[in-house]
Amino acid sequence: MKKAILYSTVLVLLIACGGVKKTQEAINTGNYSTAINKAIRNLADNKTKKGNQPYVLLLEEAFQKYTQRELENIAYLKKEGNPANYDAIFNGYTRLKRIQQQIKPLLPLEVYEENRYAKFSFNNYDNDILVSKDQLSDYLYNNASELLQNARYKEDFRNAYRDFEYLNELSPGYSDSKQKMEEAHTRGLDYVKVNMVNETEQIVPARLEEELLNFNTYGLNDKWTEYHTNPLDEVNYDYEMQVAFRAINISPEQIQEKQIVKEKQIKDGVETLLDADGRVVKDSLGNEIKIDRFRTVRCNFYQFTQLKSAQVTGNVSYIDLQRKQQLNTYPLSSEFVFEHVYANYNGDRRALDNNLVPLLNQVAVPFPTNEQMVYDAGEDLKSRLKDIVIRHKFN
């Protein structure tokens, strides 16, 4: 028992020392925020615990060095005078305030050996945050508006959208940024018209075509791609997605027959046990001994399997309508097999195995029509088409 307690104590100490060492390493390598977070986590559990004293000193050191570095970096960015730095300045002040807010609930933190409290020089960054936020908002609006006005490519519109989106997170309702963001999104979209081609001599069921082209059921959520199965005259389409059926093969209706002969010994009453001389055998009480009587039964089992299959093959092609070039082609295929088993018998059905008996309750059914077979094969096509749409990227 004492050994177990000693082992547990040593293990706890090793873990604690390891945590302190990693926190010190984080400071030594300039990962001050990591060191701060590690120290806060340990002190939040029990800040007065003597074993957590190293974290008090490490937090004091890491905070001082982190604050100094951040303020020096912010001063440099301001001196550089580049409006693109407003984001880094705003986030720098925001991080400084957030770390102070994380430390404040722990205060006071006592340093026992030095008979003092840990020192943290806190500043009020609220005004700096507000000023830099306003500067950043103005910059984002002006930059995004210029991008939107002078955009030549889809990516320009998308970059404008991202700036407006960030702006609306910082300053909701800033000027007309919401409307401009929606405009940037609309103009940054890739518009794809979907065209279905049947190059087979079979009729593609109308409901299959409708379901394949109902992109709403696929649950696709691509911010920058919009598919139109019913193209609009007023839209200048960027791409065409062509879903082509190349072949539809339907097998003849088949019925396969298989005969199985089964034999089994079954109990058929009881009889009196006789000895080798034909005399009745009795037990110690003088009673006649009875034994089970068995006999062999036989049954001819006839199993019938109805079979019909349909295979649909084709491909999905993406065409760049602006450059008149084919981008990619993906194979598309699916197969559906109709199979129905039923059976009958001649003889004593008691000879049949248990797994065969249920088939005797089945009867022949009408074969599905060719149209139904193609539709059933197309059920799998929907998931395959969805995979292709998700996998294909235009940019």
Foldseek 3Di string as FASTA:
>chain_A
DVVVVVVVVVVVLVVLVVLLVVLVVCVVVPVLVVSLVSLLVVCVVPLPDPSSLSSQVSNLVSLVVLVVVLVVVLVVLVVVVDLVCLVVNLVSLVVNVVSVVSCVVSPQRANVVVGGTRDDDDDDCVVVNVVSLVSLLVVLVVCLVVLLVPPDALVSLVVSLVSLVVSCVSPNPDPCSVVSNVVSLVSSAAEEEEEEAEQEPDDADPVLVVVLPPCVVLPDDDSRYDYDPPDDPVDDHFKYKYWYWNYKDKDDKDKDKDKDKFKDKDWDAKDFDADPVRHFDADPVRHTDIDTDIDMWMKIKMKIKIKMKMKIWTKIWMAGPVVRGTDDIGIFMFMDMDIDMAIDMDTDCVRDDPVNVVRPVDDDDDDDDSNVNSSVRSVVRSVVVSVVVVPDDPD
